[in-house]
Amino acid sequence: MFAFIPFIVLIALLVCCISVFGNATLDGASQVSLIIASGVCVLVGWMTKRLKWADLDKEITKKVASCTPSIIILLLIGAISGTWMVSGIVPTMIYYGLQILSPQWFLVTTCIICALVSLMIGSSWTTIATVGVALFGIGKAMGFGDGWIAGAIISGAYFGDKLSPLSDTTVLASSVVGTPLFTHIKYMMQTTVPTFFVALVIFLTAGLLINVSGTGDVQMFMDGLSHTFVISPWLLLVPVGMGLMIARRWPSLVVLFLAALIAAVVALLVQPDRLREIAGITGDQGFLRLYEGAIRAFYDSTHISTGVESLDKLVATRGMAGMMPTIWLIISAQVFAGALTATGQLQEIMNYFRRLVRGTASLVASTVGCAAFLNITTADQFLSIILTSSMFKDMYTKMGYEPRLLSRSCEDGGTVTSVLVPWNTCGLTQSTVLGVATLTYLPYCFFNLLSPIVSITVAAIGWRIRRKKIEN
């Protein structure tokens, strides 16, 4: 029972922080809470097992090092958010989107668009940071609440990510369990497609019933965008080119870097006035001042005046520097995960999940619950999938279940719930990119919330749950 003490302390600290700091909790209070909980974890481990500091230091260093790729991706996403806005790419997407989309169909259409894009490119992060940001702007102009918009974007993006053969988590789940990739995807469709259909029905119903109060702002937004930025369909070649690079399986870091770099060049050529505004100058003062504005778009906060206050907030960006609180939180979460692993407390807690297994429903429920729990404790969806699969693989084999049931359960509990945890790498990233607190959009991420429930329900009724013949 000692293993639960750090979690009790962490939850108590986070509740206090949320009560005091509200949406500003992620600016530092959550990080401090995680560090304090890590200290409690070390203390418990030392008192119960006399843990050596060298072992603890080694495990924490390993955990922090493992999140380096995510940190680099976060910085590049911050750069994209700045350069794509200043170059006019996102404003162009918003401008044309406002002409095409209607308020009644906006939520369900947003969900479908994000699902298709994510399915094609295999990345929920990239989908949300590009198409999702533009759709969020459209939704704001129409008057929808932040939670509804973000929920539709995230639901669609994670549906596509979950079923795409290009997705890291999809490939990871199938490979660590030993399920052929397309067998894994085909089996996941039995839980994923019905869940997505239910989510679409909810978003469609909400779009038809919600009385949108901001529809009168649409023309004002369009006028503000067209007077501030150069709006041209040619700018959409940048996201199209990015999609082609992803389709050719270019490394994600390379694609994100080139997407930001090309957008900065486009800004120099097409939006020089906006770069001068960012650099704080007026008139033509040479190339170096334009260069200054372009570099600031990469890393610094940008504030562009459109003449519409609500639109000014929408086109403002935070760049790479705006990702630093998120990176700080990721590192703090990895310190906590490293302390849990080194002290053996994480393994003790996992054993409780294994003891709950009695039959098919309890086996899948334990797997799904374990994956979701690991998203909370390790703050990383990849670790959640890897650890859950290693914990339950032998049990599925001994009970005669096919590996594809384990790989599907890992994704139903691990991939989709990661974005619902405020200090998880996914939750932090999407909250930062969209500018919406995790707890604000959480109730509206219907696909993510329903996926674990549907997975357990399907197992309970035994639909297409097959056992292999066990040889004595």
Protein backbone atom coordinates (compact mmCIF):
# COMPACT_ATOMS: atom_id res chain seq x y z
CA MET A 1 0.00 0.00 0.00
CA PHE A 2 3.01 2.31 0.41
CA ALA A 3 3.21 2.53 -3.39
CA PHE A 4 0.04 4.63 -3.48
CA ILE A 5 1.37 7.33 -1.12
CA PRO A 6 3.13 9.40 -3.86
CA PHE A 7 -0.05 9.39 -5.95
CA ILE A 8 -2.19 10.49 -3.03
CA VAL A 9 0.25 13.35 -2.37
CA LEU A 10 0.33 14.31 -6.06
CA ILE A 11 -3.44 14.33 -6.43
CA ALA A 12 -3.86 16.40 -3.26
CA LEU A 13 -1.26 18.93 -4.44
CA LEU A 14 -2.81 19.20 -7.91
CA VAL A 15 -6.29 19.72 -6.49
CA CYS A 16 -4.95 22.56 -4.33
CA CYS A 17 -3.06 24.05 -7.27
CA ILE A 18 -6.09 23.99 -9.55
CA SER A 19 -8.18 25.62 -6.83
CA VAL A 20 -5.62 28.40 -6.34
CA PHE A 21 -4.13 28.96 -9.80
CA GLY A 22 -6.91 27.77 -12.13
CA ASN A 23 -5.83 27.62 -15.78
CA ALA A 24 -2.41 29.01 -14.80
CA THR A 25 -1.59 25.78 -12.95
CA LEU A 26 0.60 24.57 -15.82
CA ASP A 27 2.76 27.70 -15.63
CA GLY A 28 4.68 26.23 -12.71
CA ALA A 29 2.44 24.94 -9.92
CA SER A 30 1.96 21.51 -11.53
CA GLN A 31 5.69 21.17 -12.08
CA VAL A 32 6.41 21.89 -8.42
CA SER A 33 3.72 19.38 -7.41
CA LEU A 34 5.38 16.67 -9.50
CA ILE A 35 8.81 17.40 -8.03
CA ILE A 36 7.42 17.25 -4.47
CA ALA A 37 5.62 13.98 -5.27
CA SER A 38 8.90 12.65 -6.68
CA GLY A 39 10.60 13.52 -3.40
CA VAL A 40 7.90 11.66 -1.47
CA CYS A 41 8.33 8.70 -3.80
CA VAL A 42 12.09 8.63 -3.14
CA LEU A 43 11.53 8.90 0.60
CA VAL A 44 9.06 6.00 0.60
CA GLY A 45 11.41 3.93 -1.54
CA TRP A 46 14.38 4.62 0.72
CA MET A 47 12.44 3.80 3.90
CA THR A 48 10.96 0.54 2.56
CA LYS A 49 13.75 -0.76 0.31
CA ARG A 50 16.90 1.20 1.19
CA LEU A 51 17.26 2.28 -2.43
CA LYS A 52 20.71 3.42 -3.56
CA TRP A 53 20.89 6.96 -4.92
CA ALA A 54 22.96 5.83 -7.93
CA ASP A 55 20.12 3.54 -9.09
CA LEU A 56 17.59 6.33 -8.68
CA ASP A 57 19.75 8.83 -10.53
CA LYS A 58 20.29 6.38 -13.39
CA GLU A 59 16.57 5.67 -13.85
CA ILE A 60 15.52 9.34 -13.72
CA THR A 61 18.23 10.27 -16.23
CA LYS A 62 17.00 7.48 -18.51
CA LYS A 63 13.39 8.67 -18.31
CA VAL A 64 14.26 12.32 -18.99
CA ALA A 65 16.46 11.33 -21.93
CA SER A 66 13.62 9.27 -23.43
CA CYS A 67 11.45 12.35 -23.86
CA THR A 68 14.08 14.27 -25.88
CA PRO A 69 12.41 13.57 -29.28
CA SER A 70 9.09 14.85 -27.90
CA ILE A 71 10.77 18.03 -26.66
CA ILE A 72 12.32 18.70 -30.07
CA ILE A 73 8.98 18.10 -31.77
CA LEU A 74 7.33 20.51 -29.33
CA LEU A 75 9.85 23.22 -30.18
CA LEU A 76 9.30 22.70 -33.91
CA ILE A 77 5.52 22.81 -33.45
CA GLY A 78 5.99 26.11 -31.62
CA ALA A 79 7.99 27.37 -34.60
CA ILE A 80 5.27 26.21 -37.01
CA SER A 81 2.54 27.91 -35.00
CA GLY A 82 4.41 31.21 -35.35
CA THR A 83 5.62 31.01 -38.94
CA TRP A 84 2.40 29.56 -40.37
CA MET A 85 0.40 32.36 -38.78
CA VAL A 86 2.71 35.23 -39.75
CA SER A 87 3.18 33.92 -43.29
CA GLY A 88 -0.60 33.98 -43.82
CA ILE A 89 -1.01 30.21 -44.24
CA VAL A 90 -3.32 29.73 -41.25
CA PRO A 91 -5.18 33.03 -41.89
CA THR A 92 -5.81 31.84 -45.47
CA MET A 93 -7.17 28.51 -44.23
CA ILE A 94 -9.43 30.33 -41.77
CA TYR A 95 -10.59 32.83 -44.43
CA TYR A 96 -11.67 30.19 -46.93
CA GLY A 97 -12.99 27.91 -44.20
CA LEU A 98 -15.36 30.63 -43.01
CA GLN A 99 -16.80 30.81 -46.53
CA ILE A 100 -17.28 27.06 -46.89
CA LEU A 101 -18.34 25.77 -43.46
CA SER A 102 -21.74 26.46 -41.92
CA PRO A 103 -22.27 26.71 -38.15
CA GLN A 104 -24.79 23.84 -38.04
CA TRP A 105 -22.35 21.40 -39.61
CA PHE A 106 -19.13 22.86 -38.23
CA LEU A 107 -18.46 20.50 -35.31
CA VAL A 108 -19.12 17.27 -37.18
CA THR A 109 -17.26 18.53 -40.27
CA THR A 110 -14.30 19.56 -38.14
CA CYS A 111 -14.15 16.11 -36.60
CA ILE A 112 -14.28 14.41 -40.02
CA ILE A 113 -11.65 16.71 -41.57
CA CYS A 114 -9.20 16.11 -38.72
CA ALA A 115 -9.87 12.37 -38.92
CA LEU A 116 -9.11 12.24 -42.64
CA VAL A 117 -5.97 14.36 -42.38
CA SER A 118 -4.66 12.38 -39.41
CA LEU A 119 -5.48 9.11 -41.15
CA MET A 120 -3.45 10.19 -44.19
CA ILE A 121 -0.42 11.57 -42.36
CA GLY A 122 -0.50 9.36 -39.26
CA SER A 123 0.05 12.13 -36.73
CA SER A 124 -2.50 13.66 -34.38
CA TRP A 125 0.08 16.21 -33.20
CA THR A 126 0.78 17.54 -36.70
CA THR A 127 -2.92 17.51 -37.61
CA ILE A 128 -3.89 19.56 -34.57
CA ALA A 129 -0.95 21.98 -34.93
CA THR A 130 -1.84 22.80 -38.55
CA VAL A 131 -5.39 22.07 -39.72
CA GLY A 132 -6.65 22.02 -36.14
CA VAL A 133 -5.39 25.53 -35.40
CA ALA A 134 -7.16 26.86 -38.51
CA LEU A 135 -10.41 25.09 -37.63
CA PHE A 136 -10.19 26.42 -34.11
CA GLY A 137 -10.07 29.94 -35.50
CA ILE A 138 -13.10 29.26 -37.67
CA GLY A 139 -15.04 27.89 -34.72
CA LYS A 140 -14.17 30.90 -32.59
CA ALA A 141 -15.41 33.23 -35.34
CA MET A 142 -18.68 31.32 -35.44
CA GLY A 143 -19.09 31.63 -31.68
CA PHE A 144 -18.56 28.06 -30.50
CA GLY A 145 -17.06 27.43 -27.06
CA ASP A 146 -13.39 26.48 -26.77
CA GLY A 147 -14.20 23.07 -25.30
CA TRP A 148 -16.54 22.06 -28.13
CA ILE A 149 -14.11 23.11 -30.85
CA ALA A 150 -11.07 21.49 -29.27
CA GLY A 151 -13.08 18.35 -28.49
CA ALA A 152 -14.11 17.93 -32.15
CA ILE A 153 -10.56 18.55 -33.37
CA ILE A 154 -8.95 16.14 -30.91
CA SER A 155 -11.59 13.43 -31.39
CA GLY A 156 -11.04 13.43 -35.15
CA ALA A 157 -7.25 13.66 -34.94
CA TYR A 158 -6.94 10.72 -32.55
CA PHE A 159 -9.33 8.56 -34.57
CA GLY A 160 -7.10 8.97 -37.62
CA ASP A 161 -3.93 8.53 -35.60
CA LYS A 162 -5.27 5.29 -34.10
CA LEU A 163 -6.08 3.65 -37.45
CA SER A 164 -3.35 5.05 -39.69
CA PRO A 165 -0.61 2.62 -40.78
CA LEU A 166 1.74 5.63 -40.64
CA SER A 167 1.05 6.29 -36.95
CA ASP A 168 3.86 5.72 -34.45
CA THR A 169 1.53 4.39 -31.77
CA THR A 170 -0.22 2.04 -34.20
CA VAL A 171 3.07 0.59 -35.40
CA LEU A 172 4.39 0.43 -31.82
CA ALA A 173 1.37 -1.39 -30.39
CA SER A 174 1.35 -3.99 -33.14
CA SER A 175 5.11 -4.57 -33.07
CA VAL A 176 5.62 -4.91 -29.29
CA VAL A 177 2.77 -7.41 -29.05
CA GLY A 178 3.69 -9.28 -32.24
CA THR A 179 0.52 -8.61 -34.23
CA PRO A 180 0.81 -7.95 -38.01
CA LEU A 181 0.19 -4.25 -38.59
CA PHE A 182 -2.88 -4.52 -40.81
CA THR A 183 -4.33 -7.32 -38.70
CA HIS A 184 -4.03 -4.97 -35.74
CA ILE A 185 -5.68 -2.10 -37.64
CA LYS A 186 -8.50 -4.27 -38.95
CA TYR A 187 -9.23 -5.62 -35.45
CA MET A 188 -9.16 -2.11 -33.94
CA MET A 189 -11.84 -0.99 -36.38
CA GLN A 190 -14.37 -3.13 -34.51
CA THR A 191 -14.15 -0.83 -31.48
CA THR A 192 -12.83 2.37 -33.07
CA VAL A 193 -15.33 2.88 -35.89
CA PRO A 194 -18.47 2.49 -33.73
CA THR A 195 -16.97 4.83 -31.13
CA PHE A 196 -16.19 7.43 -33.78
CA PHE A 197 -19.71 7.12 -35.20
CA VAL A 198 -21.20 7.84 -31.76
CA ALA A 199 -18.90 10.86 -31.40
CA LEU A 200 -20.02 12.17 -34.81
CA VAL A 201 -23.67 11.83 -33.82
CA ILE A 202 -23.01 13.83 -30.66
CA PHE A 203 -21.17 16.59 -32.56
CA LEU A 204 -23.86 16.68 -35.25
CA THR A 205 -26.62 16.96 -32.65
CA ALA A 206 -24.72 19.64 -30.74
CA GLY A 207 -24.15 21.66 -33.92
CA LEU A 208 -27.85 21.60 -34.71
CA LEU A 209 -28.97 22.47 -31.17
CA ILE A 210 -26.37 24.98 -30.00
CA ASN A 211 -27.48 28.56 -30.54
CA VAL A 212 -24.30 30.08 -31.93
CA SER A 213 -24.12 33.72 -30.92
CA GLY A 214 -21.05 34.74 -32.88
CA THR A 215 -22.19 34.16 -36.46
CA GLY A 216 -22.28 37.92 -36.97
CA ASP A 217 -18.52 38.01 -36.33
CA VAL A 218 -17.75 35.88 -39.40
CA GLN A 219 -17.72 38.78 -41.88
CA MET A 220 -15.81 40.92 -39.41
CA PHE A 221 -13.19 38.19 -39.07
CA MET A 222 -12.92 37.81 -42.84
CA ASP A 223 -12.51 41.55 -43.32
CA GLY A 224 -9.90 41.73 -40.58
CA LEU A 225 -7.91 38.86 -42.09
CA SER A 226 -8.04 40.19 -45.66
CA HIS A 227 -6.98 43.71 -44.58
CA THR A 228 -4.11 42.42 -42.43
CA PHE A 229 -2.69 39.51 -44.41
CA VAL A 230 -2.22 38.70 -48.07
CA ILE A 231 -4.79 35.95 -48.58
CA SER A 232 -4.08 33.62 -51.50
CA PRO A 233 -4.83 29.98 -52.35
CA TRP A 234 -1.18 29.69 -53.40
CA LEU A 235 -0.23 29.76 -49.73
CA LEU A 236 -2.00 26.43 -49.30
CA LEU A 237 0.79 24.80 -51.31
CA VAL A 238 2.86 24.76 -48.11
CA PRO A 239 0.53 22.41 -46.18
CA VAL A 240 0.03 20.35 -49.36
CA GLY A 241 3.79 19.99 -49.70
CA MET A 242 4.02 19.01 -46.04
CA GLY A 243 1.41 16.32 -46.63
CA LEU A 244 3.39 14.94 -49.57
CA MET A 245 6.56 14.76 -47.48
CA ILE A 246 4.71 12.84 -44.79
CA ALA A 247 3.17 10.53 -47.38
CA ARG A 248 6.67 9.71 -48.58
CA ARG A 249 7.53 8.71 -45.01
CA TRP A 250 10.03 11.48 -44.41
CA PRO A 251 11.17 11.70 -40.76
CA SER A 252 8.75 13.81 -38.72
CA LEU A 253 11.50 16.08 -37.40
CA VAL A 254 12.64 16.85 -40.94
CA VAL A 255 9.09 17.54 -42.12
CA LEU A 256 8.29 19.85 -39.22
CA PHE A 257 11.57 21.75 -39.60
CA LEU A 258 11.07 22.26 -43.34
CA ALA A 259 7.43 23.28 -42.81
CA ALA A 260 8.53 26.04 -40.43
CA LEU A 261 11.49 27.12 -42.59
CA ILE A 262 9.48 27.30 -45.82
CA ALA A 263 6.75 29.28 -44.05
CA ALA A 264 9.36 31.79 -42.84
CA VAL A 265 10.59 32.25 -46.42
CA VAL A 266 7.00 32.72 -47.58
CA ALA A 267 6.54 35.37 -44.88
CA LEU A 268 9.61 37.25 -46.16
CA LEU A 269 8.23 37.24 -49.70
CA VAL A 270 4.49 37.70 -49.11
CA GLN A 271 3.96 39.32 -45.69
CA PRO A 272 6.83 41.85 -45.23
CA ASP A 273 4.57 44.37 -43.48
CA ARG A 274 3.69 41.83 -40.80
CA LEU A 275 7.37 41.05 -40.24
CA ARG A 276 8.12 44.74 -39.82
CA GLU A 277 5.27 44.98 -37.33
CA ILE A 278 6.69 42.07 -35.34
CA ALA A 279 10.15 43.67 -35.40
CA GLY A 280 8.60 46.90 -34.11
CA ILE A 281 9.52 49.13 -37.05
CA THR A 282 7.66 51.13 -39.67
CA GLY A 283 8.62 51.66 -43.26
CA ASP A 284 11.27 49.83 -45.28
CA GLN A 285 14.46 49.64 -43.21
CA GLY A 286 16.28 46.90 -45.09
CA PHE A 287 16.43 43.15 -45.19
CA LEU A 288 17.87 42.74 -41.70
CA ARG A 289 14.69 44.12 -40.12
CA LEU A 290 12.60 41.63 -42.12
CA TYR A 291 15.00 38.91 -41.03
CA GLU A 292 14.49 39.96 -37.41
CA GLY A 293 10.72 39.66 -37.77
CA ALA A 294 11.03 36.22 -39.38
CA ILE A 295 13.32 34.89 -36.64
CA ARG A 296 11.03 36.29 -33.95
CA ALA A 297 8.14 34.43 -35.57
CA PHE A 298 10.06 31.22 -34.88
CA TYR A 299 10.76 31.70 -31.20
CA ASP A 300 9.02 34.75 -29.73
CA SER A 301 5.48 35.87 -28.96
CA THR A 302 3.91 37.75 -31.84
CA HIS A 303 1.10 40.28 -31.64
CA ILE A 304 -0.45 41.48 -34.89
CA SER A 305 -3.09 44.19 -34.98
CA THR A 306 -6.09 43.38 -37.19
CA GLY A 307 -8.46 46.02 -35.87
CA VAL A 308 -10.63 43.32 -34.26
CA GLU A 309 -9.75 42.57 -30.64
CA SER A 310 -10.99 38.97 -30.63
CA LEU A 311 -9.16 38.31 -33.90
CA ASP A 312 -5.96 39.81 -32.49
CA LYS A 313 -6.00 37.16 -29.75
CA LEU A 314 -6.56 34.45 -32.33
CA VAL A 315 -3.62 35.36 -34.59
CA ALA A 316 -1.24 35.97 -31.68
CA THR A 317 1.40 33.25 -31.33
CA ARG A 318 3.91 32.18 -28.69
CA GLY A 319 6.54 30.46 -30.83
CA MET A 320 9.16 28.11 -29.46
CA ALA A 321 9.44 30.10 -26.22
CA GLY A 322 5.76 29.46 -25.53
CA MET A 323 6.51 25.74 -25.35
CA MET A 324 8.94 26.08 -22.44
CA PRO A 325 6.35 25.63 -19.62
CA THR A 326 5.18 22.47 -21.40
CA ILE A 327 8.74 21.17 -21.73
CA TRP A 328 9.36 21.96 -18.07
CA LEU A 329 6.29 19.98 -17.12
CA ILE A 330 7.30 17.03 -19.29
CA ILE A 331 10.70 16.87 -17.61
CA SER A 332 9.10 17.06 -14.16
CA ALA A 333 6.69 14.27 -15.08
CA GLN A 334 9.56 12.10 -16.27
CA VAL A 335 11.38 12.68 -12.98
CA PHE A 336 8.28 11.39 -11.17
CA ALA A 337 8.04 8.39 -13.52
CA GLY A 338 11.73 7.63 -13.01
CA ALA A 339 11.36 7.73 -9.24
CA LEU A 340 8.35 5.38 -9.39
CA THR A 341 10.21 2.92 -11.59
CA ALA A 342 13.47 2.96 -9.64
CA THR A 343 11.74 2.40 -6.31
CA GLY A 344 9.64 -0.47 -7.69
CA GLN A 345 6.42 1.26 -6.68
CA LEU A 346 5.13 1.29 -10.27
CA GLN A 347 5.54 -2.47 -10.53
CA GLU A 348 3.71 -2.99 -7.25
CA ILE A 349 0.75 -0.96 -8.49
CA MET A 350 0.71 -2.84 -11.80
CA ASN A 351 0.41 -6.12 -9.90
CA TYR A 352 -2.93 -4.91 -8.52
CA PHE A 353 -4.28 -4.73 -12.07
CA ARG A 354 -3.16 -8.30 -12.77
CA ARG A 355 -4.94 -9.59 -9.69
CA LEU A 356 -8.26 -8.26 -10.98
CA VAL A 357 -8.32 -10.63 -13.96
CA ARG A 358 -11.05 -13.27 -13.83
CA GLY A 359 -12.29 -13.56 -17.42
CA THR A 360 -12.39 -11.82 -20.80
CA ALA A 361 -14.09 -8.62 -19.65
CA SER A 362 -11.90 -8.21 -16.57
CA LEU A 363 -8.77 -8.99 -18.61
CA VAL A 364 -9.53 -6.28 -21.18
CA ALA A 365 -10.72 -3.88 -18.48
CA SER A 366 -7.48 -4.40 -16.54
CA THR A 367 -5.42 -3.85 -19.68
CA VAL A 368 -7.30 -0.71 -20.66
CA GLY A 369 -7.23 0.60 -17.10
CA CYS A 370 -3.53 -0.15 -16.77
CA ALA A 371 -2.75 1.74 -20.00
CA ALA A 372 -4.78 4.74 -18.88
CA PHE A 373 -3.17 4.64 -15.43
CA LEU A 374 0.30 4.58 -16.98
CA ASN A 375 -0.60 7.64 -19.04
CA ILE A 376 -1.12 9.39 -15.72
CA THR A 377 1.97 8.04 -13.99
CA THR A 378 4.56 7.93 -16.78
CA ALA A 379 3.12 10.94 -18.69
CA ASP A 380 3.87 9.32 -22.04
CA GLN A 381 1.66 7.26 -24.35
CA PHE A 382 4.58 5.26 -25.76
CA LEU A 383 5.65 4.12 -22.30
CA SER A 384 2.02 3.33 -21.53
CA ILE A 385 1.72 1.01 -24.54
CA ILE A 386 5.11 -0.65 -24.02
CA LEU A 387 4.69 -1.28 -20.28
CA THR A 388 1.08 -2.46 -20.58
CA SER A 389 1.91 -4.92 -23.35
CA SER A 390 4.87 -6.33 -21.39
CA MET A 391 2.75 -6.65 -18.23
CA PHE A 392 -0.10 -8.61 -19.84
CA LYS A 393 1.50 -10.43 -22.78
CA ASP A 394 2.13 -13.68 -20.90
CA MET A 395 -1.33 -13.61 -19.35
CA TYR A 396 -3.05 -13.29 -22.76
CA THR A 397 -0.93 -16.17 -24.05
CA LYS A 398 -1.67 -18.44 -21.08
CA MET A 399 -5.40 -17.73 -21.30
CA GLY A 400 -5.37 -18.50 -25.03
CA TYR A 401 -6.30 -15.09 -26.42
CA GLU A 402 -4.99 -13.87 -29.75
CA PRO A 403 -2.25 -11.17 -29.59
CA ARG A 404 -4.43 -8.75 -31.57
CA LEU A 405 -6.79 -8.45 -28.57
CA LEU A 406 -3.90 -7.22 -26.43
CA SER A 407 -2.59 -4.79 -29.04
CA ARG A 408 -6.09 -3.36 -29.54
CA SER A 409 -6.68 -3.01 -25.79
CA CYS A 410 -3.35 -1.21 -25.38
CA GLU A 411 -4.41 1.39 -27.93
CA ASP A 412 -7.99 1.66 -26.65
CA GLY A 413 -6.65 2.51 -23.22
CA GLY A 414 -3.29 4.11 -23.99
CA THR A 415 -3.31 6.09 -27.24
CA VAL A 416 -6.63 7.90 -26.81
CA THR A 417 -6.49 8.72 -23.08
CA SER A 418 -3.03 10.34 -23.22
CA VAL A 419 -4.47 13.64 -24.43
CA LEU A 420 -6.85 13.76 -21.45
CA VAL A 421 -4.07 13.94 -18.84
CA PRO A 422 -2.92 17.53 -18.19
CA TRP A 423 0.74 16.60 -17.53
CA ASN A 424 1.01 13.89 -20.21
CA THR A 425 3.10 14.84 -23.26
CA CYS A 426 -0.02 14.64 -25.45
CA GLY A 427 -2.27 16.58 -23.11
CA LEU A 428 0.37 19.25 -22.63
CA THR A 429 1.05 19.59 -26.34
CA GLN A 430 -2.55 19.91 -27.50
CA SER A 431 -3.43 22.24 -24.64
CA THR A 432 -0.51 24.50 -25.56
CA VAL A 433 -1.07 24.39 -29.32
CA LEU A 434 -4.81 25.15 -29.14
CA GLY A 435 -4.54 27.46 -26.14
CA VAL A 436 -7.25 25.54 -24.29
CA ALA A 437 -6.74 23.98 -20.85
CA THR A 438 -6.88 20.18 -20.83
CA LEU A 439 -9.68 20.13 -18.26
CA THR A 440 -11.65 22.55 -20.46
CA TYR A 441 -11.69 20.33 -23.55
CA LEU A 442 -11.70 16.97 -21.71
CA PRO A 443 -15.52 16.67 -21.34
CA TYR A 444 -15.95 17.22 -25.10
CA CYS A 445 -13.41 14.66 -26.37
CA PHE A 446 -16.16 12.11 -26.86
CA PHE A 447 -14.16 9.71 -29.01
CA ASN A 448 -11.34 9.59 -26.47
CA LEU A 449 -13.68 9.21 -23.50
CA LEU A 450 -15.83 6.50 -25.08
CA SER A 451 -13.05 4.36 -26.58
CA PRO A 452 -12.09 2.56 -23.34
CA ILE A 453 -15.77 2.02 -22.48
CA VAL A 454 -16.58 0.54 -25.90
CA SER A 455 -13.50 -1.67 -25.75
CA ILE A 456 -14.56 -3.17 -22.42
CA THR A 457 -18.19 -3.50 -23.56
CA VAL A 458 -17.19 -5.40 -26.71
CA ALA A 459 -15.10 -7.76 -24.58
CA ALA A 460 -17.97 -8.24 -22.12
CA ILE A 461 -20.41 -9.33 -24.84
CA GLY A 462 -17.68 -11.43 -26.48
CA TRP A 463 -18.09 -9.97 -29.97
CA ARG A 464 -15.37 -11.51 -32.15
CA ILE A 465 -13.26 -12.35 -29.11
CA ARG A 466 -11.62 -15.65 -30.02
CA ARG A 467 -9.33 -17.95 -28.08
CA LYS A 468 -6.62 -20.11 -29.57
CA LYS A 469 -6.58 -23.77 -28.81
CA ILE A 470 -4.32 -24.39 -25.84
CA GLU A 471 -2.19 -27.50 -26.16
CA ASN A 472 -1.67 -29.48 -22.95
